[in-house]
């Protein structure tokens, strides 16, 4: 990798994000299938559709940058998804597993929020207003997904008595 300009950094970020979204498209159906809560499953399935749109936006942006966007594997997303696979395979209380799935999903969202925020800022610094707007739209959707996961967890699941239920089984 050679980084000689902010445009090179932006192209690298776009390549990394493209790989991250591709990996997530493969992983999300497994995570959704592992969810016990209907509300959580629906949120994950909805985010899968959004993620397909995110990838399409990145693919549409690539030729407009005027530079080569590297084909690479996003190692950060790869690691997050490997940790998520351990939760998907875990045994135990369904509510506890859903809480762990939410945690894993939020780590993914936070990673994406950081990456899209960086790319958006680079596009802004480069005066690439159209690119900035596209990245900002996706950034907003990632933040909304994160907030929804928090709402699912704190608005009902964590208040449902999961700890009391687990203690009663012990």
N, C-alpha and C. Protein backbone atom coordinates (compact mmCIF):
# COMPACT_ATOMS: atom_id res chain seq x y z
N UNK A 1 0.85 -1.17 0.00
CA UNK A 1 0.00 0.00 0.00
C UNK A 1 0.90 1.23 0.00
N UNK A 2 0.48 2.19 -0.81
CA UNK A 2 1.19 3.46 -0.87
C UNK A 2 0.18 4.58 -0.64
N UNK A 3 0.47 5.44 0.31
CA UNK A 3 -0.41 6.55 0.66
C UNK A 3 0.36 7.86 0.47
N UNK A 4 0.11 8.50 -0.67
CA UNK A 4 0.80 9.76 -0.98
C UNK A 4 -0.10 10.98 -0.87
N UNK A 5 -1.40 10.75 -0.72
CA UNK A 5 -2.34 11.87 -0.67
C UNK A 5 -3.58 11.48 0.12
N UNK A 6 -4.38 12.47 0.45
CA UNK A 6 -5.65 12.18 1.13
C UNK A 6 -6.56 11.35 0.22
N UNK A 7 -6.45 11.55 -1.09
CA UNK A 7 -7.25 10.74 -2.00
C UNK A 7 -6.85 9.28 -1.92
N UNK A 8 -5.57 9.00 -1.75
CA UNK A 8 -5.12 7.61 -1.56
C UNK A 8 -5.71 7.03 -0.28
N UNK A 9 -5.74 7.84 0.77
CA UNK A 9 -6.29 7.38 2.05
C UNK A 9 -7.80 7.11 1.89
N UNK A 10 -8.50 8.01 1.22
CA UNK A 10 -9.93 7.81 0.99
C UNK A 10 -10.17 6.55 0.18
N UNK A 11 -9.42 6.34 -0.88
CA UNK A 11 -9.58 5.14 -1.70
C UNK A 11 -9.35 3.88 -0.87
N UNK A 12 -8.35 3.92 0.01
CA UNK A 12 -8.08 2.77 0.88
C UNK A 12 -9.25 2.55 1.83
N UNK A 13 -9.80 3.63 2.39
CA UNK A 13 -10.96 3.52 3.28
C UNK A 13 -12.16 2.93 2.54
N UNK A 14 -12.40 3.38 1.32
CA UNK A 14 -13.53 2.87 0.54
C UNK A 14 -13.33 1.38 0.26
N UNK A 15 -12.11 0.98 -0.08
CA UNK A 15 -11.83 -0.45 -0.31
C UNK A 15 -12.06 -1.27 0.94
N UNK A 16 -11.63 -0.74 2.07
CA UNK A 16 -11.82 -1.44 3.34
C UNK A 16 -13.31 -1.56 3.67
N UNK A 17 -14.04 -0.48 3.48
CA UNK A 17 -15.48 -0.50 3.75
C UNK A 17 -16.21 -1.46 2.81
N UNK A 18 -15.79 -1.49 1.56
CA UNK A 18 -16.43 -2.40 0.60
C UNK A 18 -16.26 -3.85 1.08
N UNK A 19 -15.06 -4.20 1.49
CA UNK A 19 -14.82 -5.55 2.00
C UNK A 19 -15.63 -5.81 3.27
N UNK A 20 -15.69 -4.82 4.15
CA UNK A 20 -16.44 -4.98 5.41
C UNK A 20 -17.91 -5.26 5.11
N UNK A 21 -18.49 -4.50 4.18
CA UNK A 21 -19.91 -4.69 3.85
C UNK A 21 -20.13 -6.05 3.18
N UNK A 22 -19.21 -6.48 2.33
CA UNK A 22 -19.34 -7.80 1.69
C UNK A 22 -19.33 -8.91 2.74
N UNK A 23 -18.43 -8.80 3.71
CA UNK A 23 -18.36 -9.80 4.77
C UNK A 23 -19.64 -9.80 5.61
N UNK A 24 -20.14 -8.61 5.87
CA UNK A 24 -21.33 -8.48 6.71
C UNK A 24 -22.56 -9.07 6.01
N UNK A 25 -22.63 -8.93 4.71
CA UNK A 25 -23.75 -9.51 3.95
C UNK A 25 -23.78 -11.02 4.09
N UNK A 26 -22.63 -11.64 4.20
CA UNK A 26 -22.56 -13.09 4.40
C UNK A 26 -22.92 -13.46 5.84
N UNK A 27 -22.49 -12.66 6.79
CA UNK A 27 -22.64 -12.99 8.21
C UNK A 27 -24.03 -12.69 8.77
N UNK A 28 -24.66 -11.62 8.35
CA UNK A 28 -25.92 -11.20 8.98
C UNK A 28 -27.04 -12.24 8.93
N UNK A 29 -27.21 -12.98 7.85
CA UNK A 29 -28.27 -14.00 7.89
C UNK A 29 -28.06 -15.04 9.00
N UNK A 30 -26.82 -15.40 9.27
CA UNK A 30 -26.52 -16.36 10.34
C UNK A 30 -26.84 -15.76 11.71
N UNK A 31 -26.48 -14.50 11.88
CA UNK A 31 -26.74 -13.83 13.16
C UNK A 31 -28.24 -13.68 13.37
N UNK A 32 -28.95 -13.28 12.33
CA UNK A 32 -30.41 -13.13 12.44
C UNK A 32 -31.06 -14.46 12.78
N UNK A 33 -30.60 -15.54 12.16
CA UNK A 33 -31.18 -16.86 12.42
C UNK A 33 -30.92 -17.31 13.86
N UNK A 34 -29.84 -16.82 14.46
CA UNK A 34 -29.50 -17.22 15.83
C UNK A 34 -30.26 -16.42 16.88
N UNK A 35 -30.89 -15.33 16.47
CA UNK A 35 -31.60 -14.47 17.43
C UNK A 35 -32.88 -15.15 17.91
N UNK A 36 -33.12 -15.06 19.20
CA UNK A 36 -34.34 -15.61 19.81
C UNK A 36 -35.49 -14.61 19.70
N UNK A 37 -35.20 -13.36 19.93
CA UNK A 37 -36.22 -12.31 19.90
C UNK A 37 -36.64 -12.01 18.46
N UNK A 38 -37.95 -11.98 18.25
CA UNK A 38 -38.47 -11.62 16.93
C UNK A 38 -38.07 -10.21 16.55
N UNK A 39 -38.08 -9.30 17.52
CA UNK A 39 -37.73 -7.91 17.27
C UNK A 39 -36.26 -7.80 16.85
N UNK A 40 -35.39 -8.52 17.52
CA UNK A 40 -33.97 -8.51 17.17
C UNK A 40 -33.75 -9.12 15.79
N UNK A 41 -34.40 -10.25 15.54
CA UNK A 41 -34.25 -10.90 14.24
C UNK A 41 -34.69 -9.96 13.11
N UNK A 42 -35.82 -9.30 13.30
CA UNK A 42 -36.33 -8.37 12.29
C UNK A 42 -35.37 -7.20 12.07
N UNK A 43 -34.81 -6.69 13.14
CA UNK A 43 -33.85 -5.58 13.02
C UNK A 43 -32.61 -6.01 12.25
N UNK A 44 -32.13 -7.22 12.52
CA UNK A 44 -30.95 -7.73 11.81
C UNK A 44 -31.26 -7.98 10.34
N UNK A 45 -32.44 -8.51 10.07
CA UNK A 45 -32.82 -8.76 8.68
C UNK A 45 -32.99 -7.45 7.92
N UNK A 46 -33.56 -6.45 8.58
CA UNK A 46 -33.68 -5.13 7.96
C UNK A 46 -32.31 -4.53 7.68
N UNK A 47 -31.40 -4.70 8.63
CA UNK A 47 -30.06 -4.14 8.43
C UNK A 47 -29.32 -4.87 7.32
N UNK A 48 -29.62 -6.12 7.10
CA UNK A 48 -29.03 -6.84 5.97
C UNK A 48 -29.41 -6.15 4.67
N UNK A 49 -30.67 -5.78 4.53
CA UNK A 49 -31.10 -5.09 3.31
C UNK A 49 -30.40 -3.74 3.19
N UNK A 50 -30.29 -3.01 4.30
CA UNK A 50 -29.56 -1.74 4.28
C UNK A 50 -28.10 -1.96 3.88
N UNK A 51 -27.50 -3.02 4.39
CA UNK A 51 -26.10 -3.31 4.11
C UNK A 51 -25.89 -3.58 2.63
N UNK A 52 -26.82 -4.26 2.01
CA UNK A 52 -26.73 -4.46 0.55
C UNK A 52 -26.73 -3.10 -0.16
N UNK A 53 -27.55 -2.19 0.32
CA UNK A 53 -27.56 -0.84 -0.24
C UNK A 53 -26.25 -0.09 0.01
N UNK A 54 -25.67 -0.29 1.18
CA UNK A 54 -24.39 0.35 1.50
C UNK A 54 -23.31 -0.12 0.53
N UNK A 55 -23.28 -1.43 0.29
CA UNK A 55 -22.29 -1.97 -0.64
C UNK A 55 -22.50 -1.40 -2.04
N UNK A 56 -23.75 -1.32 -2.46
CA UNK A 56 -24.03 -0.78 -3.80
C UNK A 56 -23.56 0.67 -3.90
N UNK A 57 -23.79 1.45 -2.85
CA UNK A 57 -23.33 2.84 -2.85
C UNK A 57 -21.81 2.92 -3.00
N UNK A 58 -21.11 2.05 -2.26
CA UNK A 58 -19.65 2.05 -2.35
C UNK A 58 -19.20 1.65 -3.74
N UNK A 59 -19.85 0.68 -4.32
CA UNK A 59 -19.50 0.26 -5.67
C UNK A 59 -19.77 1.39 -6.67
N UNK A 60 -20.84 2.13 -6.47
CA UNK A 60 -21.15 3.25 -7.34
C UNK A 60 -20.16 4.41 -7.17
N UNK A 61 -19.65 4.59 -5.96
CA UNK A 61 -18.68 5.66 -5.68
C UNK A 61 -17.32 5.38 -6.30
N UNK A 62 -16.93 4.13 -6.33
CA UNK A 62 -15.58 3.76 -6.72
C UNK A 62 -15.12 4.40 -8.02
N UNK A 63 -15.89 4.31 -9.12
CA UNK A 63 -15.39 4.90 -10.36
C UNK A 63 -15.37 6.43 -10.36
N UNK A 64 -16.08 7.06 -9.43
CA UNK A 64 -16.14 8.52 -9.40
C UNK A 64 -14.95 9.15 -8.70
N UNK A 65 -14.13 8.34 -8.02
CA UNK A 65 -13.02 8.88 -7.24
C UNK A 65 -11.83 9.30 -8.10
N UNK A 66 -11.71 8.73 -9.27
CA UNK A 66 -10.60 9.10 -10.14
C UNK A 66 -9.28 8.48 -9.74
N UNK A 67 -9.34 7.44 -8.95
CA UNK A 67 -8.14 6.72 -8.55
C UNK A 67 -8.53 5.26 -8.32
N UNK A 68 -7.55 4.42 -8.22
CA UNK A 68 -7.80 3.00 -8.01
C UNK A 68 -8.17 2.75 -6.55
N UNK A 69 -9.24 2.01 -6.36
CA UNK A 69 -9.65 1.59 -5.02
C UNK A 69 -9.17 0.16 -4.84
N UNK A 70 -8.34 -0.07 -3.83
CA UNK A 70 -7.77 -1.41 -3.68
C UNK A 70 -8.81 -2.48 -3.33
N UNK A 71 -8.57 -3.66 -3.85
CA UNK A 71 -9.36 -4.84 -3.48
C UNK A 71 -8.62 -5.45 -2.30
N UNK A 72 -9.22 -5.45 -1.15
CA UNK A 72 -8.56 -5.93 0.05
C UNK A 72 -9.56 -6.60 0.96
N UNK A 73 -9.05 -7.27 1.96
CA UNK A 73 -9.89 -7.86 2.99
C UNK A 73 -9.83 -6.97 4.21
N UNK A 74 -10.98 -6.57 4.69
CA UNK A 74 -11.04 -5.77 5.91
C UNK A 74 -10.80 -6.69 7.10
N UNK A 75 -9.62 -6.63 7.63
CA UNK A 75 -9.24 -7.50 8.74
C UNK A 75 -9.98 -7.16 10.02
N UNK A 76 -10.30 -5.89 10.21
CA UNK A 76 -11.06 -5.49 11.40
C UNK A 76 -12.43 -6.14 11.43
N UNK A 77 -13.15 -6.08 10.30
CA UNK A 77 -14.47 -6.70 10.23
C UNK A 77 -14.34 -8.22 10.34
N UNK A 78 -13.33 -8.76 9.72
CA UNK A 78 -13.11 -10.21 9.78
C UNK A 78 -13.01 -10.67 11.23
N UNK A 79 -12.24 -9.95 12.03
CA UNK A 79 -12.09 -10.30 13.45
C UNK A 79 -13.39 -10.15 14.23
N UNK A 80 -14.10 -9.06 13.98
CA UNK A 80 -15.38 -8.85 14.67
C UNK A 80 -16.37 -9.96 14.33
N UNK A 81 -16.39 -10.36 13.07
CA UNK A 81 -17.33 -11.40 12.66
C UNK A 81 -16.93 -12.77 13.19
N UNK A 82 -15.63 -13.02 13.32
CA UNK A 82 -15.19 -14.28 13.94
C UNK A 82 -15.66 -14.35 15.38
N UNK A 83 -15.57 -13.25 16.11
CA UNK A 83 -16.08 -13.23 17.48
C UNK A 83 -17.58 -13.44 17.49
N UNK A 84 -18.28 -12.85 16.55
CA UNK A 84 -19.72 -13.02 16.45
C UNK A 84 -20.11 -14.46 16.16
N UNK A 85 -19.31 -15.16 15.36
CA UNK A 85 -19.59 -16.56 15.06
C UNK A 85 -19.55 -17.42 16.33
N UNK A 86 -18.68 -17.06 17.26
CA UNK A 86 -18.62 -17.79 18.53
C UNK A 86 -19.93 -17.62 19.30
N UNK A 87 -20.50 -16.45 19.25
CA UNK A 87 -21.78 -16.20 19.94
C UNK A 87 -22.90 -16.94 19.23
N UNK A 88 -22.90 -16.92 17.91
CA UNK A 88 -23.93 -17.63 17.15
C UNK A 88 -23.92 -19.12 17.52
N UNK A 89 -22.74 -19.68 17.71
CA UNK A 89 -22.61 -21.10 18.03
C UNK A 89 -22.81 -21.41 19.52
N UNK A 90 -22.87 -20.40 20.35
CA UNK A 90 -22.95 -20.61 21.79
C UNK A 90 -24.28 -21.27 22.19
N UNK A 91 -24.21 -22.00 23.27
CA UNK A 91 -25.39 -22.63 23.88
C UNK A 91 -25.75 -21.83 25.13
N UNK A 92 -26.98 -21.99 25.60
CA UNK A 92 -27.36 -21.34 26.85
C UNK A 92 -28.71 -20.68 26.74
N UNK A 93 -28.95 -19.77 27.67
CA UNK A 93 -30.23 -19.08 27.76
C UNK A 93 -30.43 -18.21 26.51
N UNK A 94 -31.57 -18.33 25.85
CA UNK A 94 -31.82 -17.55 24.63
C UNK A 94 -31.76 -16.04 24.84
N UNK A 95 -32.23 -15.56 25.99
CA UNK A 95 -32.18 -14.12 26.25
C UNK A 95 -30.74 -13.65 26.45
N UNK A 96 -29.96 -14.45 27.14
CA UNK A 96 -28.55 -14.10 27.33
C UNK A 96 -27.82 -14.11 25.99
N UNK A 97 -28.14 -15.09 25.14
CA UNK A 97 -27.52 -15.15 23.83
C UNK A 97 -27.91 -13.93 22.99
N UNK A 98 -29.18 -13.52 23.05
CA UNK A 98 -29.60 -12.32 22.33
C UNK A 98 -28.83 -11.10 22.81
N UNK A 99 -28.62 -11.00 24.12
CA UNK A 99 -27.85 -9.87 24.65
C UNK A 99 -26.43 -9.89 24.09
N UNK A 100 -25.84 -11.06 24.00
CA UNK A 100 -24.49 -11.18 23.44
C UNK A 100 -24.49 -10.87 21.95
N UNK A 101 -25.53 -11.28 21.23
CA UNK A 101 -25.64 -10.95 19.81
C UNK A 101 -25.74 -9.44 19.59
N UNK A 102 -26.51 -8.79 20.45
CA UNK A 102 -26.62 -7.33 20.37
C UNK A 102 -25.26 -6.69 20.60
N UNK A 103 -24.53 -7.16 21.58
CA UNK A 103 -23.19 -6.61 21.83
C UNK A 103 -22.27 -6.78 20.63
N UNK A 104 -22.30 -7.96 20.03
CA UNK A 104 -21.47 -8.21 18.85
C UNK A 104 -21.90 -7.32 17.69
N UNK A 105 -23.21 -7.18 17.50
CA UNK A 105 -23.72 -6.34 16.41
C UNK A 105 -23.35 -4.88 16.63
N UNK A 106 -23.39 -4.43 17.87
CA UNK A 106 -23.03 -3.04 18.14
C UNK A 106 -21.54 -2.80 17.93
N UNK A 107 -20.70 -3.78 18.24
CA UNK A 107 -19.27 -3.61 17.94
C UNK A 107 -19.07 -3.42 16.44
N UNK A 108 -19.80 -4.19 15.64
CA UNK A 108 -19.73 -4.04 14.18
C UNK A 108 -20.21 -2.64 13.78
N UNK A 109 -21.33 -2.22 14.32
CA UNK A 109 -21.86 -0.89 13.98
C UNK A 109 -20.88 0.21 14.35
N UNK A 110 -20.26 0.10 15.51
CA UNK A 110 -19.31 1.13 15.93
C UNK A 110 -18.09 1.16 15.02
N UNK A 111 -17.66 0.00 14.59
CA UNK A 111 -16.54 -0.07 13.63
C UNK A 111 -16.93 0.65 12.35
N UNK A 112 -18.13 0.36 11.84
CA UNK A 112 -18.58 0.97 10.61
C UNK A 112 -18.78 2.49 10.78
N UNK A 113 -19.31 2.90 11.91
CA UNK A 113 -19.50 4.33 12.17
C UNK A 113 -18.15 5.04 12.13
N UNK A 114 -17.14 4.46 12.75
CA UNK A 114 -15.81 5.07 12.74
C UNK A 114 -15.25 5.13 11.31
N UNK A 115 -15.40 4.05 10.56
CA UNK A 115 -14.84 4.01 9.20
C UNK A 115 -15.57 4.96 8.26
N UNK A 116 -16.91 4.94 8.31
CA UNK A 116 -17.66 5.86 7.44
C UNK A 116 -17.42 7.31 7.84
N UNK A 117 -17.28 7.58 9.13
CA UNK A 117 -16.99 8.93 9.58
C UNK A 117 -15.65 9.42 9.05
N UNK A 118 -14.65 8.56 9.08
CA UNK A 118 -13.34 8.91 8.55
C UNK A 118 -13.42 9.17 7.05
N UNK A 119 -14.08 8.28 6.32
CA UNK A 119 -14.18 8.44 4.87
C UNK A 119 -14.95 9.73 4.52
N UNK A 120 -16.02 10.00 5.25
CA UNK A 120 -16.80 11.21 5.00
C UNK A 120 -15.96 12.46 5.21
N UNK A 121 -15.18 12.47 6.30
CA UNK A 121 -14.33 13.62 6.59
C UNK A 121 -13.27 13.80 5.51
N UNK A 122 -12.70 12.71 5.04
CA UNK A 122 -11.71 12.80 3.96
C UNK A 122 -12.35 13.36 2.70
N UNK A 123 -13.54 12.87 2.35
CA UNK A 123 -14.24 13.37 1.16
C UNK A 123 -14.52 14.87 1.30
N UNK A 124 -14.90 15.29 2.50
CA UNK A 124 -15.15 16.70 2.75
C UNK A 124 -13.88 17.52 2.56
N UNK A 125 -12.79 17.05 3.13
CA UNK A 125 -11.51 17.76 3.00
C UNK A 125 -11.06 17.86 1.55
N UNK A 126 -11.41 16.86 0.75
CA UNK A 126 -11.03 16.84 -0.67
C UNK A 126 -12.02 17.60 -1.55
N UNK A 127 -13.08 18.13 -0.95
CA UNK A 127 -14.08 18.85 -1.72
C UNK A 127 -14.94 17.95 -2.60
N UNK A 128 -15.03 16.69 -2.24
CA UNK A 128 -15.85 15.72 -2.99
C UNK A 128 -17.23 15.68 -2.36
N UNK A 129 -18.02 16.71 -2.66
CA UNK A 129 -19.31 16.90 -2.00
C UNK A 129 -20.28 15.74 -2.25
N UNK A 130 -20.35 15.24 -3.47
CA UNK A 130 -21.26 14.13 -3.76
C UNK A 130 -20.85 12.87 -2.99
N UNK A 131 -19.56 12.62 -2.95
CA UNK A 131 -19.05 11.46 -2.20
C UNK A 131 -19.35 11.62 -0.72
N UNK A 132 -19.13 12.83 -0.21
CA UNK A 132 -19.41 13.12 1.21
C UNK A 132 -20.88 12.86 1.52
N UNK A 133 -21.78 13.30 0.65
CA UNK A 133 -23.21 13.12 0.90
C UNK A 133 -23.59 11.64 0.93
N UNK A 134 -23.04 10.86 0.01
CA UNK A 134 -23.33 9.42 -0.02
C UNK A 134 -22.82 8.75 1.25
N UNK A 135 -21.61 9.08 1.64
CA UNK A 135 -21.03 8.49 2.85
C UNK A 135 -21.80 8.94 4.09
N UNK A 136 -22.24 10.17 4.10
CA UNK A 136 -23.01 10.69 5.23
C UNK A 136 -24.35 9.97 5.37
N UNK A 137 -24.98 9.67 4.25
CA UNK A 137 -26.24 8.93 4.28
C UNK A 137 -26.04 7.56 4.92
N UNK A 138 -24.99 6.88 4.52
CA UNK A 138 -24.71 5.56 5.10
C UNK A 138 -24.34 5.68 6.56
N UNK A 139 -23.55 6.67 6.90
CA UNK A 139 -23.19 6.90 8.30
C UNK A 139 -24.43 7.09 9.15
N UNK A 140 -25.39 7.85 8.67
CA UNK A 140 -26.64 8.05 9.40
C UNK A 140 -27.38 6.73 9.60
N UNK A 141 -27.42 5.90 8.58
CA UNK A 141 -28.10 4.61 8.68
C UNK A 141 -27.40 3.69 9.67
N UNK A 142 -26.07 3.72 9.70
CA UNK A 142 -25.33 2.90 10.67
C UNK A 142 -25.62 3.37 12.10
N UNK A 143 -25.67 4.67 12.30
CA UNK A 143 -25.96 5.21 13.63
C UNK A 143 -27.38 4.85 14.06
N UNK A 144 -28.32 4.88 13.12
CA UNK A 144 -29.70 4.51 13.42
C UNK A 144 -29.79 3.04 13.81
N UNK A 145 -29.05 2.19 13.10
CA UNK A 145 -29.04 0.75 13.43
C UNK A 145 -28.49 0.53 14.84
N UNK A 146 -27.44 1.26 15.20
CA UNK A 146 -26.86 1.14 16.53
C UNK A 146 -27.87 1.56 17.60
N UNK A 147 -28.57 2.65 17.35
CA UNK A 147 -29.58 3.12 18.31
C UNK A 147 -30.72 2.12 18.45
N UNK A 148 -31.12 1.50 17.35
CA UNK A 148 -32.18 0.51 17.42
C UNK A 148 -31.75 -0.69 18.26
N UNK A 149 -30.51 -1.13 18.10
CA UNK A 149 -30.02 -2.25 18.91
C UNK A 149 -30.04 -1.89 20.40
N UNK A 150 -29.66 -0.68 20.72
CA UNK A 150 -29.71 -0.23 22.11
C UNK A 150 -31.14 -0.23 22.62
N UNK A 151 -32.05 0.26 21.80
CA UNK A 151 -33.47 0.31 22.18
C UNK A 151 -34.01 -1.09 22.43
N UNK A 152 -33.67 -2.04 21.56
CA UNK A 152 -34.14 -3.41 21.74
C UNK A 152 -33.63 -3.97 23.05
N UNK A 153 -32.37 -3.71 23.35
CA UNK A 153 -31.77 -4.24 24.58
C UNK A 153 -32.33 -3.57 25.82
N UNK A 154 -32.34 -2.27 25.85
CA UNK A 154 -32.70 -1.56 27.07
C UNK A 154 -34.19 -1.31 27.19
N UNK A 155 -34.90 -1.39 26.07
CA UNK A 155 -36.33 -1.11 26.10
C UNK A 155 -37.18 -2.30 26.47
N UNK A 156 -36.59 -3.45 26.55
CA UNK A 156 -37.42 -4.59 26.87
C UNK A 156 -36.63 -5.80 27.32
N UNK A 157 -35.64 -6.18 26.52
CA UNK A 157 -34.96 -7.43 26.80
C UNK A 157 -34.25 -7.42 28.16
N UNK A 158 -33.50 -6.37 28.44
CA UNK A 158 -32.77 -6.33 29.71
C UNK A 158 -33.72 -6.15 30.89
N UNK A 159 -34.89 -5.60 30.64
CA UNK A 159 -35.87 -5.41 31.71
C UNK A 159 -36.76 -6.62 31.89
N UNK A 160 -36.57 -7.63 31.07
CA UNK A 160 -37.48 -8.78 31.09
C UNK A 160 -37.16 -9.76 32.22
N UNK A 161 -36.16 -9.46 32.99
CA UNK A 161 -35.85 -10.33 34.10
C UNK A 161 -34.87 -11.43 33.74
N UNK A 162 -34.03 -11.21 32.74
CA UNK A 162 -33.08 -12.24 32.31
C UNK A 162 -32.20 -12.72 33.46
N UNK A 163 -31.74 -11.81 34.31
CA UNK A 163 -30.87 -12.22 35.41
C UNK A 163 -31.64 -13.02 36.46
N UNK A 164 -32.88 -12.62 36.74
CA UNK A 164 -33.70 -13.39 37.68
C UNK A 164 -33.98 -14.79 37.13
N UNK A 165 -34.28 -14.85 35.82
CA UNK A 165 -34.56 -16.16 35.21
C UNK A 165 -33.32 -17.06 35.27
N UNK A 166 -32.16 -16.49 34.98
CA UNK A 166 -30.94 -17.28 35.01
C UNK A 166 -30.63 -17.76 36.43
N UNK A 167 -30.83 -16.88 37.41
CA UNK A 167 -30.58 -17.25 38.79
C UNK A 167 -31.53 -18.35 39.26
N UNK A 168 -32.76 -18.28 38.81
CA UNK A 168 -33.74 -19.29 39.21
C UNK A 168 -33.38 -20.67 38.66
N UNK A 169 -32.71 -20.72 37.53
CA UNK A 169 -32.31 -22.01 36.94
C UNK A 169 -31.03 -22.55 37.57
N UNK A 170 -30.29 -21.70 38.25
CA UNK A 170 -29.00 -22.14 38.81
C UNK A 170 -29.18 -23.03 40.01
